[in-house]
Amino acid sequence: MKFVVENLSLWVAPEQQIAELSHLNLPDLDLSWVAPMQRRRLSPFMKMALHTMHQAQGEYQQLAVNFSSRHGDLPKTSQLLHSLVEQEPLSPTAFGLSVHNAATGLFSIIAKNKAPMNAIAGGQDSIISAMIDGFARVHSGVEQQILIAHVESVLPDEYLPFSDEQQIAHSVSFVLSTAQTGKPYFELTKLSESEHTQSDSCLPLSLQLAAALTSKGSQWLLSHQQSAWMLQYHGD
């Protein structure tokens, strides 16, 4: 899979900065483009999602979106489940904002972006799944470019015993398009089981990818317990 990345936007919770991204000067959340009344109702998950999606959109007006998240806004969903246990009434607004495609829906409304939008959940490979689907769409000519957005919150306390990767609140978004002859591009290849050595890294694949895309190196191994990918940069 050969592709070009533009307008990479990354946000990591300030208290959770990590060594692999220490070379980056990550900006504060900027939601100044969202109306104040609407901004006050947003969860932390939604705020970081909208921040990087807006930053990555840049000058593009109507841009298709592939949104991915392994767990979605699980803190909000967990609150709803607690309400059910306590037999308390559920807020229709809270429920509407907890579904997996809520971020794309809000982004579509606020940014007045009427292009097609998908919401994907694919386990630890969620962001790769979004990229593969997005690549298929631009490679086939359905879209000229597509916005890839991935967001994760820290799991609520009751789910932490089941976590299998570092819990880091983060969001990463970028515009993906097909490689052009004579211009720099990235190439992503899935490694076979025989090529995949067990990784000790517990860093989410989305942050491994972000670190690789912002690095000056030419080759990176992106992996977790179940699969591995090789990312190569071809260019200057």
C-alpha atoms as a PDB file:
ATOM      1  CA  MET A   1       0.000   0.000   0.000  1.00  0.00           C
ATOM      2  CA  LYS A   2       1.694   3.191  -1.218  1.00  0.00           C
ATOM      3  CA  PHE A   3       0.312   6.515  -0.063  1.00  0.00           C
ATOM      4  CA  VAL A   4       1.023  10.164   0.752  1.00  0.00           C
ATOM      5  CA  VAL A   5       0.311  11.818   4.120  1.00  0.00           C
ATOM      6  CA  GLU A   6      -0.580  15.493   4.503  1.00  0.00           C
ATOM      7  CA  ASN A   7      -1.551  17.732   7.426  1.00  0.00           C
ATOM      8  CA  LEU A   8      -0.665  15.287  10.199  1.00  0.00           C
ATOM      9  CA  SER A   9      -2.203  16.457  13.473  1.00  0.00           C
ATOM     10  CA  LEU A  10      -1.460  14.767  16.785  1.00  0.00           C
ATOM     11  CA  TRP A  11      -2.615  15.439  20.332  1.00  0.00           C
ATOM     12  CA  VAL A  12      -1.557  13.551  23.461  1.00  0.00           C
ATOM     13  CA  ALA A  13      -2.775  14.341  26.970  1.00  0.00           C
ATOM     14  CA  PRO A  14      -0.121  16.675  28.483  1.00  0.00           C
ATOM     15  CA  GLU A  15       0.348  14.489  31.554  1.00  0.00           C
ATOM     16  CA  GLN A  16       0.990  11.452  29.349  1.00  0.00           C
ATOM     17  CA  GLN A  17       3.742  12.643  26.987  1.00  0.00           C
ATOM     18  CA  ILE A  18       5.906   9.752  25.815  1.00  0.00           C
ATOM     19  CA  ALA A  19       9.530   9.375  24.769  1.00  0.00           C
ATOM     20  CA  GLU A  20       8.760   8.291  21.198  1.00  0.00           C
ATOM     21  CA  LEU A  21       7.109  11.662  20.539  1.00  0.00           C
ATOM     22  CA  SER A  22       9.395  13.886  22.620  1.00  0.00           C
ATOM     23  CA  HIS A  23      10.780  15.485  19.432  1.00  0.00           C
ATOM     24  CA  LEU A  24       7.389  17.041  18.693  1.00  0.00           C
ATOM     25  CA  ASN A  25       5.993  20.283  20.043  1.00  0.00           C
ATOM     26  CA  LEU A  26       2.378  19.257  20.445  1.00  0.00           C
ATOM     27  CA  PRO A  27      -0.157  22.126  20.491  1.00  0.00           C
ATOM     28  CA  ASP A  28      -2.913  22.684  23.020  1.00  0.00           C
ATOM     29  CA  LEU A  29      -6.453  21.697  22.127  1.00  0.00           C
ATOM     30  CA  ASP A  30      -7.981  24.350  19.871  1.00  0.00           C
ATOM     31  CA  LEU A  31     -11.764  24.334  19.701  1.00  0.00           C
ATOM     32  CA  SER A  32     -12.164  28.046  19.072  1.00  0.00           C
ATOM     33  CA  TRP A  33     -14.030  27.191  15.854  1.00  0.00           C
ATOM     34  CA  VAL A  34     -16.778  25.435  17.853  1.00  0.00           C
ATOM     35  CA  ALA A  35     -19.602  27.535  19.315  1.00  0.00           C
ATOM     36  CA  PRO A  36     -19.124  28.001  23.105  1.00  0.00           C
ATOM     37  CA  MET A  37     -22.473  26.413  24.045  1.00  0.00           C
ATOM     38  CA  GLN A  38     -21.684  23.362  21.936  1.00  0.00           C
ATOM     39  CA  ARG A  39     -18.098  23.221  23.182  1.00  0.00           C
ATOM     40  CA  ARG A  40     -19.208  22.985  26.828  1.00  0.00           C
ATOM     41  CA  ARG A  41     -21.166  19.804  26.108  1.00  0.00           C
ATOM     42  CA  LEU A  42     -18.259  17.925  24.542  1.00  0.00           C
ATOM     43  CA  SER A  43     -16.558  15.061  26.368  1.00  0.00           C
ATOM     44  CA  PRO A  44     -12.733  14.934  26.528  1.00  0.00           C
ATOM     45  CA  PHE A  45     -12.865  12.217  23.846  1.00  0.00           C
ATOM     46  CA  MET A  46     -14.920  14.399  21.513  1.00  0.00           C
ATOM     47  CA  LYS A  47     -12.739  17.447  22.115  1.00  0.00           C
ATOM     48  CA  MET A  48      -9.501  15.750  21.076  1.00  0.00           C
ATOM     49  CA  ALA A  49     -11.246  14.100  18.116  1.00  0.00           C
ATOM     50  CA  LEU A  50     -12.591  17.388  16.765  1.00  0.00           C
ATOM     51  CA  HIS A  51      -9.286  19.168  17.427  1.00  0.00           C
ATOM     52  CA  THR A  52      -7.116  16.929  15.245  1.00  0.00           C
ATOM     53  CA  MET A  53      -9.783  16.388  12.588  1.00  0.00           C
ATOM     54  CA  HIS A  54     -10.138  20.149  12.144  1.00  0.00           C
ATOM     55  CA  GLN A  55      -6.374  20.687  12.103  1.00  0.00           C
ATOM     56  CA  ALA A  56      -5.870  17.932   9.521  1.00  0.00           C
ATOM     57  CA  GLN A  57      -8.704  19.125   7.309  1.00  0.00           C
ATOM     58  CA  GLY A  58      -6.764  22.318   6.640  1.00  0.00           C
ATOM     59  CA  GLU A  59      -7.857  24.020   3.408  1.00  0.00           C
ATOM     60  CA  TYR A  60      -9.995  21.107   2.241  1.00  0.00           C
ATOM     61  CA  GLN A  61     -13.684  22.061   2.359  1.00  0.00           C
ATOM     62  CA  GLN A  62     -15.504  18.805   1.598  1.00  0.00           C
ATOM     63  CA  LEU A  63     -13.351  15.879   2.707  1.00  0.00           C
ATOM     64  CA  ALA A  64     -14.383  12.249   3.209  1.00  0.00           C
ATOM     65  CA  VAL A  65     -13.512  10.877   6.660  1.00  0.00           C
ATOM     66  CA  ASN A  66     -12.560   7.444   7.978  1.00  0.00           C
ATOM     67  CA  PHE A  67     -12.804   7.613  11.765  1.00  0.00           C
ATOM     68  CA  SER A  68     -11.434   4.776  13.887  1.00  0.00           C
ATOM     69  CA  SER A  69     -11.301   3.965  17.573  1.00  0.00           C
ATOM     70  CA  ARG A  70     -10.773   0.707  19.370  1.00  0.00           C
ATOM     71  CA  HIS A  71     -13.203   1.467  22.209  1.00  0.00           C
ATOM     72  CA  GLY A  72     -14.916   4.685  21.217  1.00  0.00           C
ATOM     73  CA  ASP A  73     -15.972   7.087  23.956  1.00  0.00           C
ATOM     74  CA  LEU A  74     -15.985   4.303  26.551  1.00  0.00           C
ATOM     75  CA  PRO A  75     -15.915   6.684  29.561  1.00  0.00           C
ATOM     76  CA  LYS A  76     -19.244   8.137  28.397  1.00  0.00           C
ATOM     77  CA  THR A  77     -20.661   4.676  27.635  1.00  0.00           C
ATOM     78  CA  SER A  78     -19.527   3.489  31.066  1.00  0.00           C
ATOM     79  CA  GLN A  79     -21.401   6.371  32.718  1.00  0.00           C
ATOM     80  CA  LEU A  80     -24.554   5.336  30.868  1.00  0.00           C
ATOM     81  CA  LEU A  81     -24.138   1.755  32.063  1.00  0.00           C
ATOM     82  CA  HIS A  82     -23.742   2.971  35.642  1.00  0.00           C
ATOM     83  CA  SER A  83     -26.987   4.913  35.237  1.00  0.00           C
ATOM     84  CA  LEU A  84     -28.736   1.744  34.101  1.00  0.00           C
ATOM     85  CA  VAL A  85     -27.430  -0.160  37.110  1.00  0.00           C
ATOM     86  CA  GLU A  86     -28.688   2.579  39.419  1.00  0.00           C
ATOM     87  CA  GLN A  87     -31.997   2.607  37.513  1.00  0.00           C
ATOM     88  CA  GLU A  88     -31.547   6.267  36.679  1.00  0.00           C
ATOM     89  CA  PRO A  89     -33.005   7.798  33.506  1.00  0.00           C
ATOM     90  CA  LEU A  90     -30.617   7.996  30.555  1.00  0.00           C
ATOM     91  CA  SER A  91     -29.898  11.299  28.886  1.00  0.00           C
ATOM     92  CA  PRO A  92     -30.837  11.077  25.181  1.00  0.00           C
ATOM     93  CA  THR A  93     -28.083  13.585  24.392  1.00  0.00           C
ATOM     94  CA  ALA A  94     -25.481  11.571  26.309  1.00  0.00           C
ATOM     95  CA  PHE A  95     -26.574   8.400  24.536  1.00  0.00           C
ATOM     96  CA  GLY A  96     -26.478  10.081  21.125  1.00  0.00           C
ATOM     97  CA  LEU A  97     -22.948  11.329  21.767  1.00  0.00           C
ATOM     98  CA  SER A  98     -21.734   7.919  22.965  1.00  0.00           C
ATOM     99  CA  VAL A  99     -22.260   5.990  19.715  1.00  0.00           C
ATOM    100  CA  HIS A 100     -19.225   5.129  17.595  1.00  0.00           C
ATOM    101  CA  ASN A 101     -19.976   7.532  14.752  1.00  0.00           C
ATOM    102  CA  ALA A 102     -20.867  10.499  16.980  1.00  0.00           C
ATOM    103  CA  ALA A 103     -17.522  12.235  16.354  1.00  0.00           C
ATOM    104  CA  THR A 104     -17.956  12.121  12.577  1.00  0.00           C
ATOM    105  CA  GLY A 105     -21.532  13.312  12.905  1.00  0.00           C
ATOM    106  CA  LEU A 106     -20.553  16.330  14.991  1.00  0.00           C
ATOM    107  CA  PHE A 107     -17.598  17.097  12.738  1.00  0.00           C
ATOM    108  CA  SER A 108     -19.899  16.957   9.706  1.00  0.00           C
ATOM    109  CA  ILE A 109     -22.345  19.398  11.286  1.00  0.00           C
ATOM    110  CA  ILE A 110     -19.879  21.859  12.809  1.00  0.00           C
ATOM    111  CA  ALA A 111     -17.469  21.919   9.844  1.00  0.00           C
ATOM    112  CA  LYS A 112     -20.355  21.841   7.319  1.00  0.00           C
ATOM    113  CA  ASN A 113     -18.617  18.891   5.686  1.00  0.00           C
ATOM    114  CA  LYS A 114     -21.143  16.865   3.644  1.00  0.00           C
ATOM    115  CA  ALA A 115     -18.685  14.270   2.301  1.00  0.00           C
ATOM    116  CA  PRO A 116     -19.110  10.547   3.179  1.00  0.00           C
ATOM    117  CA  MET A 117     -17.896   9.499   6.630  1.00  0.00           C
ATOM    118  CA  ASN A 118     -17.201   6.026   8.069  1.00  0.00           C
ATOM    119  CA  ALA A 119     -16.663   4.890  11.671  1.00  0.00           C
ATOM    120  CA  ILE A 120     -14.483   1.799  12.156  1.00  0.00           C
ATOM    121  CA  ALA A 121     -13.535  -0.400  15.116  1.00  0.00           C
ATOM    122  CA  GLY A 122     -10.893  -3.061  14.398  1.00  0.00           C
ATOM    123  CA  GLY A 123      -9.222  -3.942  17.672  1.00  0.00           C
ATOM    124  CA  GLN A 124      -5.546  -3.059  17.985  1.00  0.00           C
ATOM    125  CA  ASP A 125      -5.374  -2.612  14.204  1.00  0.00           C
ATOM    126  CA  SER A 126      -8.205  -0.051  14.123  1.00  0.00           C
ATOM    127  CA  ILE A 127      -6.177   2.745  12.569  1.00  0.00           C
ATOM    128  CA  ILE A 128      -4.680   0.361   9.996  1.00  0.00           C
ATOM    129  CA  SER A 129      -8.194  -0.799   9.081  1.00  0.00           C
ATOM    130  CA  ALA A 130      -9.230   2.820   8.537  1.00  0.00           C
ATOM    131  CA  MET A 131      -6.175   3.405   6.353  1.00  0.00           C
ATOM    132  CA  ILE A 132      -6.750   0.284   4.245  1.00  0.00           C
ATOM    133  CA  ASP A 133     -10.378   1.196   3.627  1.00  0.00           C
ATOM    134  CA  GLY A 134      -9.381   4.787   2.887  1.00  0.00           C
ATOM    135  CA  PHE A 135      -6.623   3.698   0.519  1.00  0.00           C
ATOM    136  CA  ALA A 136      -9.058   1.474  -1.379  1.00  0.00           C
ATOM    137  CA  ARG A 137     -11.382   4.421  -1.850  1.00  0.00           C
ATOM    138  CA  VAL A 138      -8.751   6.844  -3.137  1.00  0.00           C
ATOM    139  CA  HIS A 139      -6.965   4.178  -5.212  1.00  0.00           C
ATOM    140  CA  SER A 140     -10.227   3.303  -6.966  1.00  0.00           C
ATOM    141  CA  GLY A 141     -10.996   6.960  -7.624  1.00  0.00           C
ATOM    142  CA  VAL A 142     -14.043   7.138  -5.347  1.00  0.00           C
ATOM    143  CA  GLU A 143     -12.241   9.912  -3.423  1.00  0.00           C
ATOM    144  CA  GLN A 144      -9.267  12.093  -4.314  1.00  0.00           C
ATOM    145  CA  GLN A 145      -8.103  12.119  -0.699  1.00  0.00           C
ATOM    146  CA  ILE A 146      -9.526  11.065   2.641  1.00  0.00           C
ATOM    147  CA  LEU A 147      -9.153  12.218   6.226  1.00  0.00           C
ATOM    148  CA  ILE A 148      -8.016   9.442   8.570  1.00  0.00           C
ATOM    149  CA  ALA A 149      -8.787  10.098  12.253  1.00  0.00           C
ATOM    150  CA  HIS A 150      -8.092   7.849  15.239  1.00  0.00           C
ATOM    151  CA  VAL A 151      -9.003   8.609  18.860  1.00  0.00           C
ATOM    152  CA  GLU A 152      -8.608   6.756  22.165  1.00  0.00           C
ATOM    153  CA  SER A 153      -9.381   7.620  25.777  1.00  0.00           C
ATOM    154  CA  VAL A 154      -7.920   5.986  28.855  1.00  0.00           C
ATOM    155  CA  LEU A 155     -10.114   3.052  29.842  1.00  0.00           C
ATOM    156  CA  PRO A 156     -12.401   3.558  32.873  1.00  0.00           C
ATOM    157  CA  ASP A 157     -11.078   1.966  36.058  1.00  0.00           C
ATOM    158  CA  GLU A 158     -13.331  -1.089  35.869  1.00  0.00           C
ATOM    159  CA  TYR A 159     -11.927  -1.994  32.453  1.00  0.00           C
ATOM    160  CA  LEU A 160      -8.242  -1.425  33.197  1.00  0.00           C
ATOM    161  CA  PRO A 161      -7.579  -5.032  34.342  1.00  0.00           C
ATOM    162  CA  PHE A 162      -8.369  -6.139  30.772  1.00  0.00           C
ATOM    163  CA  SER A 163      -6.095  -3.653  28.978  1.00  0.00           C
ATOM    164  CA  ASP A 164      -3.331  -5.023  26.743  1.00  0.00           C
ATOM    165  CA  GLU A 165      -1.609  -1.759  25.771  1.00  0.00           C
ATOM    166  CA  GLN A 166      -0.552   1.522  27.343  1.00  0.00           C
ATOM    167  CA  GLN A 167      -3.492   3.694  28.283  1.00  0.00           C
ATOM    168  CA  ILE A 168      -2.821   7.066  26.691  1.00  0.00           C
ATOM    169  CA  ALA A 169      -5.488   9.611  25.780  1.00  0.00           C
ATOM    170  CA  HIS A 170      -4.638  10.683  22.242  1.00  0.00           C
ATOM    171  CA  SER A 171      -5.913  11.612  18.826  1.00  0.00           C
ATOM    172  CA  VAL A 172      -4.140  11.478  15.456  1.00  0.00           C
ATOM    173  CA  SER A 173      -5.516  12.680  12.116  1.00  0.00           C
ATOM    174  CA  PHE A 174      -4.076  13.135   8.640  1.00  0.00           C
ATOM    175  CA  VAL A 175      -5.078  13.343   4.993  1.00  0.00           C
ATOM    176  CA  LEU A 176      -4.249  10.243   2.932  1.00  0.00           C
ATOM    177  CA  SER A 177      -3.943  10.175  -0.857  1.00  0.00           C
ATOM    178  CA  THR A 178      -2.342   7.888  -3.429  1.00  0.00           C
ATOM    179  CA  ALA A 179       1.369   8.066  -4.258  1.00  0.00           C
ATOM    180  CA  GLN A 180       2.370  10.120  -7.292  1.00  0.00           C
ATOM    181  CA  THR A 181       5.230   9.254  -9.642  1.00  0.00           C
ATOM    182  CA  GLY A 182       8.437  11.069  -8.722  1.00  0.00           C
ATOM    183  CA  LYS A 183       7.146  12.326  -5.362  1.00  0.00           C
ATOM    184  CA  PRO A 184       7.930  11.072  -1.809  1.00  0.00           C
ATOM    185  CA  TYR A 185       5.533   8.495  -0.379  1.00  0.00           C
ATOM    186  CA  PHE A 186       5.039   5.923   2.377  1.00  0.00           C
ATOM    187  CA  GLU A 187       4.616   2.197   1.865  1.00  0.00           C
ATOM    188  CA  LEU A 188       2.854  -0.042   4.395  1.00  0.00           C
ATOM    189  CA  THR A 189       3.238  -3.837   4.244  1.00  0.00           C
ATOM    190  CA  LYS A 190       1.732  -6.477   6.531  1.00  0.00           C
ATOM    191  CA  LEU A 191       4.333  -8.949   7.762  1.00  0.00           C
ATOM    192  CA  SER A 192       3.680 -12.667   7.778  1.00  0.00           C
ATOM    193  CA  GLU A 193       3.695 -14.683  10.998  1.00  0.00           C
ATOM    194  CA  SER A 194       7.192 -15.966  10.184  1.00  0.00           C
ATOM    195  CA  GLU A 195       8.427 -12.362   9.818  1.00  0.00           C
ATOM    196  CA  HIS A 196       6.709 -11.142  12.962  1.00  0.00           C
ATOM    197  CA  THR A 197       8.793 -11.379  16.104  1.00  0.00           C
ATOM    198  CA  GLN A 198       6.975 -10.853  19.392  1.00  0.00           C
ATOM    199  CA  SER A 199       6.998  -7.166  20.280  1.00  0.00           C
ATOM    200  CA  ASP A 200       7.621  -5.883  23.808  1.00  0.00           C
ATOM    201  CA  SER A 201       6.062  -2.540  22.903  1.00  0.00           C
ATOM    202  CA  CYS A 202       2.739  -1.772  24.559  1.00  0.00           C
ATOM    203  CA  LEU A 203       2.422   1.577  22.802  1.00  0.00           C
ATOM    204  CA  PRO A 204      -0.858   1.759  20.855  1.00  0.00           C
ATOM    205  CA  LEU A 205      -0.361   1.185  17.133  1.00  0.00           C
ATOM    206  CA  SER A 206      -1.793   4.621  16.370  1.00  0.00           C
ATOM    207  CA  LEU A 207       0.986   6.291  18.378  1.00  0.00           C
ATOM    208  CA  GLN A 208       3.626   4.014  16.862  1.00  0.00           C
ATOM    209  CA  LEU A 209       2.359   5.146  13.464  1.00  0.00           C
ATOM    210  CA  ALA A 210       2.367   8.824  14.434  1.00  0.00           C
ATOM    211  CA  ALA A 211       5.942   8.543  15.705  1.00  0.00           C
ATOM    212  CA  ALA A 212       6.976   6.852  12.463  1.00  0.00           C
ATOM    213  CA  LEU A 213       5.257   9.397  10.206  1.00  0.00           C
ATOM    214  CA  THR A 214       6.990  12.269  11.997  1.00  0.00           C
ATOM    215  CA  SER A 215      10.417  10.616  12.160  1.00  0.00           C
ATOM    216  CA  LYS A 216      13.271  11.204   9.712  1.00  0.00           C
ATOM    217  CA  GLY A 217      14.037   7.513   9.437  1.00  0.00           C
ATOM    218  CA  SER A 218      13.325   5.351   6.404  1.00  0.00           C
ATOM    219  CA  GLN A 219      11.855   2.207   7.959  1.00  0.00           C
ATOM    220  CA  TRP A 220       9.779   1.351  11.032  1.00  0.00           C
ATOM    221  CA  LEU A 221       8.278  -1.783  12.519  1.00  0.00           C
ATOM    222  CA  LEU A 222       4.730  -1.231  13.807  1.00  0.00           C
ATOM    223  CA  SER A 223       3.581  -4.136  15.933  1.00  0.00           C
ATOM    224  CA  HIS A 224       1.588  -5.517  18.831  1.00  0.00           C
ATOM    225  CA  GLN A 225       0.992  -9.006  20.205  1.00  0.00           C
ATOM    226  CA  GLN A 226      -1.025 -10.265  17.242  1.00  0.00           C
ATOM    227  CA  SER A 227       0.285  -8.609  14.084  1.00  0.00           C
ATOM    228  CA  ALA A 228       3.049  -6.479  12.623  1.00  0.00           C
ATOM    229  CA  TRP A 229       3.406  -3.974   9.808  1.00  0.00           C
ATOM    230  CA  MET A 230       6.445  -2.493   8.072  1.00  0.00           C
ATOM    231  CA  LEU A 231       6.274   1.191   7.205  1.00  0.00           C
ATOM    232  CA  GLN A 232       8.838   2.535   4.753  1.00  0.00           C
ATOM    233  CA  TYR A 233       9.439   6.059   3.529  1.00  0.00           C
ATOM    234  CA  HIS A 234      10.535   6.563  -0.072  1.00  0.00           C
ATOM    235  CA  GLY A 235      11.766  10.063  -0.804  1.00  0.00           C
ATOM    236  CA  ASP A 236      14.396  12.694  -0.094  1.00  0.00           C
END
